[in-house]
Amino acid sequence: MAGAIHREEYVKRADFVLMVTLAVHDKGAGDAEFIKFLSIINREASDDRNFIKKATNWALRQIGKRNPDLNKKAIEISEARASGRSRCRSILA
């Protein structure tokens, strides 16, 4: 994954769909990869295009379902977004 750097709406959405697919189906994947994904989601969440907003929210929810540690980090990002802060700085800590 190229860090969700694509600018085209549907290509960028596909980046997040791949994150969802890994979160749901790759049971052996470690947390480190998903923490990288959370950083990308956090960075790209300010994109106001509808399909990108939906895709980032979907990826965030699915990653948060993997285990309690990822759930906590996903909730931090969600709360930061809900409070109007554009980014959550503590997800990598």
C-alpha atoms as a PDB file:
ATOM      1  CA  MET A   1       0.000   0.000   0.000  1.00  0.00           C
ATOM      2  CA  ALA A   2       1.402   3.342  -1.030  1.00  0.00           C
ATOM      3  CA  GLY A   3       0.268   5.193   2.075  1.00  0.00           C
ATOM      4  CA  ALA A   4      -3.099   6.231   0.631  1.00  0.00           C
ATOM      5  CA  ILE A   5      -1.393   8.974  -1.319  1.00  0.00           C
ATOM      6  CA  HIS A   6      -3.599   8.647  -4.374  1.00  0.00           C
ATOM      7  CA  ARG A   7      -5.588  11.774  -5.134  1.00  0.00           C
ATOM      8  CA  GLU A   8      -8.272  10.277  -7.388  1.00  0.00           C
ATOM      9  CA  GLU A   9     -11.405   9.639  -5.327  1.00  0.00           C
ATOM     10  CA  TYR A  10     -12.096   6.027  -6.218  1.00  0.00           C
ATOM     11  CA  VAL A  11      -8.445   5.001  -6.205  1.00  0.00           C
ATOM     12  CA  LYS A  12      -7.977   6.573  -2.789  1.00  0.00           C
ATOM     13  CA  ARG A  13     -11.155   4.846  -1.590  1.00  0.00           C
ATOM     14  CA  ALA A  14      -9.712   1.543  -2.817  1.00  0.00           C
ATOM     15  CA  ASP A  15      -6.678   2.092  -0.582  1.00  0.00           C
ATOM     16  CA  PHE A  16      -8.989   2.167   2.431  1.00  0.00           C
ATOM     17  CA  VAL A  17     -10.960  -0.831   1.192  1.00  0.00           C
ATOM     18  CA  LEU A  18      -7.702  -2.808   1.148  1.00  0.00           C
ATOM     19  CA  MET A  19      -7.148  -1.806   4.789  1.00  0.00           C
ATOM     20  CA  VAL A  20     -10.637  -3.066   5.629  1.00  0.00           C
ATOM     21  CA  THR A  21     -10.033  -6.331   3.808  1.00  0.00           C
ATOM     22  CA  LEU A  22      -6.824  -6.956   5.728  1.00  0.00           C
ATOM     23  CA  ALA A  23      -8.441  -6.007   9.032  1.00  0.00           C
ATOM     24  CA  VAL A  24     -11.311  -8.440   8.496  1.00  0.00           C
ATOM     25  CA  HIS A  25      -9.605 -11.377   6.814  1.00  0.00           C
ATOM     26  CA  ASP A  26      -5.926 -11.460   7.817  1.00  0.00           C
ATOM     27  CA  LYS A  27      -6.207 -12.910  11.313  1.00  0.00           C
ATOM     28  CA  GLY A  28      -2.449 -13.390  11.604  1.00  0.00           C
ATOM     29  CA  ALA A  29      -1.459  -9.791  10.921  1.00  0.00           C
ATOM     30  CA  GLY A  30       0.208  -7.953  13.779  1.00  0.00           C
ATOM     31  CA  ASP A  31      -0.788  -4.636  15.287  1.00  0.00           C
ATOM     32  CA  ALA A  32       2.179  -2.754  13.817  1.00  0.00           C
ATOM     33  CA  GLU A  33       0.723  -2.796  10.311  1.00  0.00           C
ATOM     34  CA  PHE A  34      -2.640  -1.572  11.535  1.00  0.00           C
ATOM     35  CA  ILE A  35      -1.066   1.213  13.570  1.00  0.00           C
ATOM     36  CA  LYS A  36       0.497   2.416  10.312  1.00  0.00           C
ATOM     37  CA  PHE A  37      -2.956   2.262   8.734  1.00  0.00           C
ATOM     38  CA  LEU A  38      -4.411   4.279  11.619  1.00  0.00           C
ATOM     39  CA  SER A  39      -1.789   6.953  10.974  1.00  0.00           C
ATOM     40  CA  ILE A  40      -2.832   7.085   7.327  1.00  0.00           C
ATOM     41  CA  ILE A  41      -6.518   7.217   8.259  1.00  0.00           C
ATOM     42  CA  ASN A  42      -5.796   9.989  10.735  1.00  0.00           C
ATOM     43  CA  ARG A  43      -3.874  11.955   8.105  1.00  0.00           C
ATOM     44  CA  GLU A  44      -6.419  11.483   5.324  1.00  0.00           C
ATOM     45  CA  ALA A  45      -9.587  11.920   7.400  1.00  0.00           C
ATOM     46  CA  SER A  46      -9.791  15.613   6.562  1.00  0.00           C
ATOM     47  CA  ASP A  47     -10.705  14.802   2.938  1.00  0.00           C
ATOM     48  CA  ASP A  48     -14.278  16.066   2.563  1.00  0.00           C
ATOM     49  CA  ARG A  49     -15.283  13.869  -0.363  1.00  0.00           C
ATOM     50  CA  ASN A  50     -18.191  11.638   0.618  1.00  0.00           C
ATOM     51  CA  PHE A  51     -16.746   8.303  -0.499  1.00  0.00           C
ATOM     52  CA  ILE A  52     -13.427   9.045   1.201  1.00  0.00           C
ATOM     53  CA  LYS A  53     -15.167   9.958   4.461  1.00  0.00           C
ATOM     54  CA  LYS A  54     -17.163   6.735   4.304  1.00  0.00           C
ATOM     55  CA  ALA A  55     -14.065   4.668   3.525  1.00  0.00           C
ATOM     56  CA  THR A  56     -11.971   6.181   6.336  1.00  0.00           C
ATOM     57  CA  ASN A  57     -14.789   5.601   8.821  1.00  0.00           C
ATOM     58  CA  TRP A  58     -15.250   2.027   7.636  1.00  0.00           C
ATOM     59  CA  ALA A  59     -11.523   1.276   7.892  1.00  0.00           C
ATOM     60  CA  LEU A  60     -11.365   2.859  11.344  1.00  0.00           C
ATOM     61  CA  ARG A  61     -14.275   0.735  12.597  1.00  0.00           C
ATOM     62  CA  GLN A  62     -12.898  -2.527  11.213  1.00  0.00           C
ATOM     63  CA  ILE A  63      -9.387  -1.968  12.556  1.00  0.00           C
ATOM     64  CA  GLY A  64     -10.868  -1.072  15.935  1.00  0.00           C
ATOM     65  CA  LYS A  65     -12.649  -4.433  16.054  1.00  0.00           C
ATOM     66  CA  ARG A  66      -9.420  -6.450  15.901  1.00  0.00           C
ATOM     67  CA  ASN A  67      -8.403  -6.185  19.556  1.00  0.00           C
ATOM     68  CA  PRO A  68      -8.673  -3.905  22.607  1.00  0.00           C
ATOM     69  CA  ASP A  69      -5.404  -2.047  21.919  1.00  0.00           C
ATOM     70  CA  LEU A  70      -6.374  -1.126  18.362  1.00  0.00           C
ATOM     71  CA  ASN A  71      -9.884  -0.336  19.571  1.00  0.00           C
ATOM     72  CA  LYS A  72      -8.498   2.225  22.018  1.00  0.00           C
ATOM     73  CA  LYS A  73      -6.416   3.885  19.288  1.00  0.00           C
ATOM     74  CA  ALA A  74      -9.367   3.921  16.882  1.00  0.00           C
ATOM     75  CA  ILE A  75     -11.568   5.534  19.534  1.00  0.00           C
ATOM     76  CA  GLU A  76      -8.904   8.220  20.134  1.00  0.00           C
ATOM     77  CA  ILE A  77      -8.942   9.090  16.447  1.00  0.00           C
ATOM     78  CA  SER A  78     -12.747   9.092  16.333  1.00  0.00           C
ATOM     79  CA  GLU A  79     -13.000  11.356  19.364  1.00  0.00           C
ATOM     80  CA  ALA A  80     -10.419  13.741  17.936  1.00  0.00           C
ATOM     81  CA  ARG A  81     -12.385  13.943  14.690  1.00  0.00           C
ATOM     82  CA  ALA A  82     -15.699  14.404  16.514  1.00  0.00           C
ATOM     83  CA  SER A  83     -14.313  17.220  18.655  1.00  0.00           C
ATOM     84  CA  GLY A  84     -13.161  19.114  15.590  1.00  0.00           C
ATOM     85  CA  ARG A  85      -9.464  18.422  16.011  1.00  0.00           C
ATOM     86  CA  SER A  86      -8.157  17.419  12.638  1.00  0.00           C
ATOM     87  CA  ARG A  87      -5.586  14.971  13.920  1.00  0.00           C
ATOM     88  CA  CYS A  88      -4.899  12.782  16.902  1.00  0.00           C
ATOM     89  CA  ARG A  89      -1.231  12.929  17.861  1.00  0.00           C
ATOM     90  CA  SER A  90      -1.131  10.076  20.363  1.00  0.00           C
ATOM     91  CA  ILE A  91      -1.906   7.073  18.152  1.00  0.00           C
ATOM     92  CA  LEU A  92       1.730   6.155  17.678  1.00  0.00           C
ATOM     93  CA  ALA A  93       2.547   6.313  21.375  1.00  0.00           C
END
